[in-house]
Each structure stands twice: as C-alpha cells, then as structure tokens.
C-alpha atoms as a PDB file:
ATOM      1  CA  UNK A   1       6.777   8.439   0.117  1.00  0.00           C
ATOM      2  CA  UNK A   2       9.062   6.747  -2.320  1.00  0.00           C
ATOM      3  CA  UNK A   3       9.304   7.848  -5.884  1.00  0.00           C
ATOM      4  CA  UNK A   4       9.847   5.264  -8.583  1.00  0.00           C
ATOM      5  CA  UNK A   5      13.359   6.482  -9.403  1.00  0.00           C
ATOM      6  CA  UNK A   6      14.343   6.374  -5.712  1.00  0.00           C
ATOM      7  CA  UNK A   7      13.111   2.808  -5.288  1.00  0.00           C
ATOM      8  CA  UNK A   8      14.896   1.527  -8.360  1.00  0.00           C
ATOM      9  CA  UNK A   9      18.239   2.639  -6.935  1.00  0.00           C
ATOM     10  CA  UNK A  10      17.618   1.535  -3.338  1.00  0.00           C
ATOM     11  CA  UNK A  11      18.639  -1.938  -2.112  1.00  0.00           C
ATOM     12  CA  UNK A  12      16.250  -1.567   0.848  1.00  0.00           C
ATOM     13  CA  UNK A  13      12.936  -1.858  -1.005  1.00  0.00           C
ATOM     14  CA  UNK A  14      11.342  -4.236  -3.479  1.00  0.00           C
ATOM     15  CA  UNK A  15       9.146  -3.213  -6.399  1.00  0.00           C
ATOM     16  CA  UNK A  16       7.088  -5.429  -8.639  1.00  0.00           C
ATOM     17  CA  UNK A  17       3.638  -6.675  -9.490  1.00  0.00           C
ATOM     18  CA  UNK A  18       1.281  -7.996  -6.804  1.00  0.00           C
ATOM     19  CA  UNK A  19      -2.294  -9.111  -7.224  1.00  0.00           C
ATOM     20  CA  UNK A  20      -4.737  -7.238  -4.989  1.00  0.00           C
ATOM     21  CA  UNK A  21      -8.444  -8.063  -5.158  1.00  0.00           C
ATOM     22  CA  UNK A  22      -7.757  -9.969  -8.427  1.00  0.00           C
ATOM     23  CA  UNK A  23      -6.089  -6.902 -10.022  1.00  0.00           C
ATOM     24  CA  UNK A  24      -2.411  -6.739 -10.916  1.00  0.00           C
ATOM     25  CA  UNK A  25      -0.907  -3.632  -9.337  1.00  0.00           C
ATOM     26  CA  UNK A  26       2.525  -2.004  -9.318  1.00  0.00           C
ATOM     27  CA  UNK A  27       3.716  -2.343  -5.744  1.00  0.00           C
ATOM     28  CA  UNK A  28       6.445  -1.094  -3.476  1.00  0.00           C
ATOM     29  CA  UNK A  29       7.292  -3.258  -0.470  1.00  0.00           C
ATOM     30  CA  UNK A  30       8.782  -0.800   1.974  1.00  0.00           C
ATOM     31  CA  UNK A  31      10.500  -1.914   5.197  1.00  0.00           C
ATOM     32  CA  UNK A  32      10.385   1.726   6.361  1.00  0.00           C
ATOM     33  CA  UNK A  33       6.593   1.760   6.452  1.00  0.00           C
ATOM     34  CA  UNK A  34       4.487  -0.020   9.032  1.00  0.00           C
ATOM     35  CA  UNK A  35       1.149   0.521   7.272  1.00  0.00           C
ATOM     36  CA  UNK A  36       0.051  -0.302   3.713  1.00  0.00           C
ATOM     37  CA  UNK A  37      -1.485   2.122   1.223  1.00  0.00           C
ATOM     38  CA  UNK A  38      -3.439   2.146  -2.037  1.00  0.00           C
ATOM     39  CA  UNK A  39      -4.092   4.918  -4.515  1.00  0.00           C
ATOM     40  CA  UNK A  40      -7.812   5.764  -4.842  1.00  0.00           C
ATOM     41  CA  UNK A  41      -7.658   5.265  -8.614  1.00  0.00           C
ATOM     42  CA  UNK A  42      -6.822   1.590  -8.171  1.00  0.00           C
ATOM     43  CA  UNK A  43      -9.023   1.080  -5.100  1.00  0.00           C
ATOM     44  CA  UNK A  44     -12.159   2.023  -7.069  1.00  0.00           C
ATOM     45  CA  UNK A  45     -11.663  -1.202  -9.040  1.00  0.00           C
ATOM     46  CA  UNK A  46     -11.652  -3.427  -5.943  1.00  0.00           C
ATOM     47  CA  UNK A  47     -15.399  -3.538  -5.383  1.00  0.00           C
ATOM     48  CA  UNK A  48     -14.934  -2.757  -1.674  1.00  0.00           C
ATOM     49  CA  UNK A  49     -16.495   0.196   0.091  1.00  0.00           C
ATOM     50  CA  UNK A  50     -13.900   2.084   2.136  1.00  0.00           C
ATOM     51  CA  UNK A  51     -14.422   2.604   5.832  1.00  0.00           C
ATOM     52  CA  UNK A  52     -14.079   6.120   7.247  1.00  0.00           C
ATOM     53  CA  UNK A  53     -11.438   6.253   9.973  1.00  0.00           C
ATOM     54  CA  UNK A  54     -12.640   7.479  13.360  1.00  0.00           C
ATOM     55  CA  UNK A  55      -9.492   9.523  13.806  1.00  0.00           C
ATOM     56  CA  UNK A  56      -7.610  11.129  10.950  1.00  0.00           C
ATOM     57  CA  UNK A  57      -3.859  10.907  10.895  1.00  0.00           C
ATOM     58  CA  UNK A  58      -1.077  12.425   8.882  1.00  0.00           C
ATOM     59  CA  UNK A  59       1.445  10.520   6.787  1.00  0.00           C
ATOM     60  CA  UNK A  60       4.789  12.233   6.212  1.00  0.00           C
ATOM     61  CA  UNK A  61       7.019  11.383   3.293  1.00  0.00           C
ATOM     62  CA  UNK A  62      10.817  11.363   3.013  1.00  0.00           C
ATOM     63  CA  UNK A  63      10.586  14.358   0.658  1.00  0.00           C
ATOM     64  CA  UNK A  64       8.739  16.458   3.241  1.00  0.00           C
ATOM     65  CA  UNK A  65       5.164  16.142   1.956  1.00  0.00           C
ATOM     66  CA  UNK A  66       2.297  15.308   4.311  1.00  0.00           C
ATOM     67  CA  UNK A  67      -1.009  13.630   3.551  1.00  0.00           C
ATOM     68  CA  UNK A  68      -4.067  13.140   5.741  1.00  0.00           C
ATOM     69  CA  UNK A  69      -5.632   9.679   5.658  1.00  0.00           C
ATOM     70  CA  UNK A  70      -9.370   9.338   6.200  1.00  0.00           C
ATOM     71  CA  UNK A  71     -10.305   6.049   4.466  1.00  0.00           C
ATOM     72  CA  UNK A  72      -9.263   2.413   4.791  1.00  0.00           C
ATOM     73  CA  UNK A  73     -10.061  -0.598   2.603  1.00  0.00           C
ATOM     74  CA  UNK A  74     -10.329  -3.536   5.007  1.00  0.00           C
ATOM     75  CA  UNK A  75      -9.421  -7.154   4.341  1.00  0.00           C
ATOM     76  CA  UNK A  76      -8.124  -6.785   0.790  1.00  0.00           C
ATOM     77  CA  UNK A  77      -6.932 -10.076  -0.670  1.00  0.00           C
ATOM     78  CA  UNK A  78      -3.262  -9.823  -1.651  1.00  0.00           C
ATOM     79  CA  UNK A  79      -1.944 -12.755  -3.670  1.00  0.00           C
ATOM     80  CA  UNK A  80       1.744 -13.454  -3.985  1.00  0.00           C
ATOM     81  CA  UNK A  81       3.345 -16.675  -5.208  1.00  0.00           C
ATOM     82  CA  UNK A  82      -0.101 -18.316  -5.331  1.00  0.00           C
ATOM     83  CA  UNK A  83      -0.815 -17.636  -1.669  1.00  0.00           C
ATOM     84  CA  UNK A  84      -3.644 -15.377  -0.499  1.00  0.00           C
ATOM     85  CA  UNK A  85      -3.047 -12.998   2.385  1.00  0.00           C
ATOM     86  CA  UNK A  86      -5.132 -10.135   3.756  1.00  0.00           C
ATOM     87  CA  UNK A  87      -4.243  -6.482   4.230  1.00  0.00           C
ATOM     88  CA  UNK A  88      -5.927  -3.271   5.297  1.00  0.00           C
ATOM     89  CA  UNK A  89      -4.992  -0.559   2.789  1.00  0.00           C
ATOM     90  CA  UNK A  90      -5.168   3.125   3.661  1.00  0.00           C
ATOM     91  CA  UNK A  91      -6.164   5.423   0.813  1.00  0.00           C
ATOM     92  CA  UNK A  92      -3.303   7.702  -0.195  1.00  0.00           C
ATOM     93  CA  UNK A  93      -3.053   9.986  -3.200  1.00  0.00           C
ATOM     94  CA  UNK A  94       0.133   8.865  -4.926  1.00  0.00           C
ATOM     95  CA  UNK A  95       1.112   8.498  -8.550  1.00  0.00           C
ATOM     96  CA  UNK A  96       4.288   6.417  -8.679  1.00  0.00           C
ATOM     97  CA  UNK A  97       2.857   3.207  -7.198  1.00  0.00           C
ATOM     98  CA  UNK A  98      -0.551   1.547  -7.031  1.00  0.00           C
ATOM     99  CA  UNK A  99       0.108   0.117  -3.567  1.00  0.00           C
ATOM    100  CA  UNK A 100       2.760   0.393  -0.891  1.00  0.00           C
ATOM    101  CA  UNK A 101       2.940  -2.643   1.341  1.00  0.00           C
ATOM    102  CA  UNK A 102       4.357  -2.058   4.810  1.00  0.00           C
ATOM    103  CA  UNK A 103       5.903  -4.345   7.353  1.00  0.00           C
ATOM    104  CA  UNK A 104       2.698  -5.047   9.305  1.00  0.00           C
ATOM    105  CA  UNK A 105       1.418  -6.958   6.266  1.00  0.00           C
ATOM    106  CA  UNK A 106       4.602  -9.011   5.955  1.00  0.00           C
ATOM    107  CA  UNK A 107       4.877  -9.572   9.690  1.00  0.00           C
ATOM    108  CA  UNK A 108       1.337 -10.904   9.971  1.00  0.00           C
ATOM    109  CA  UNK A 109       2.220 -13.586   7.413  1.00  0.00           C
ATOM    110  CA  UNK A 110       5.594 -14.549   8.955  1.00  0.00           C
ATOM    111  CA  UNK A 111       7.697 -13.067   6.170  1.00  0.00           C
END
C-alpha cells in the first residue's frame, strides 16, 4: 500500500482527484496493482450496497502489512476527463487515499 509521501516522490504512480459515484475523491493510480480499492469511509457515501466476496483474500502492502478483503462495490461510475467508466472497488481500510485504481480498470478502458 502506498503512503502519500511515497507516491509524491515516485515517478511510477499518479495521484489526483477522480470522481467516483459523483463524489470527488483523492486517488492513487498504481501500475503495481491489478485491482482497485476504496476506503469504507468514502464508500458509505456512494449509495451502493457492497457485495460479500465468496472467498476472502489477503492484500499485502510494500511496507509488509496485510489486509483481508471481504467486500466489493460493483460497477462504480468513475469519471475522468468527462468520460464515465466502470470499476469494481474492493473495500480496504486505508487512510492516505480514498481510492487506489489498479491496472485492470485502465486496461478495460484501453488506457
């Protein structure tokens, strides 16, 4: 998991504001992550009920922490440059970013 200070010094990631479910969120676009994540504090504002995953899985961070994911927010509308895209966002307790967008999201929209 990236920390804000790490991302600001890294040329490999992009940080900024994205609009997710009509809410502006502080985002990290991380080429090292396949999946996309949202903090539960922001997700509560989306008006979407999360879906319980059938199988739990663990997410490991570069600093050695591990988190277990159990919930996913399906088909969230992500708007960038006036274009709507869709993403499934796994719930992840993090404090430095509202969302982390992984490569599967970018790939599915030919970025």
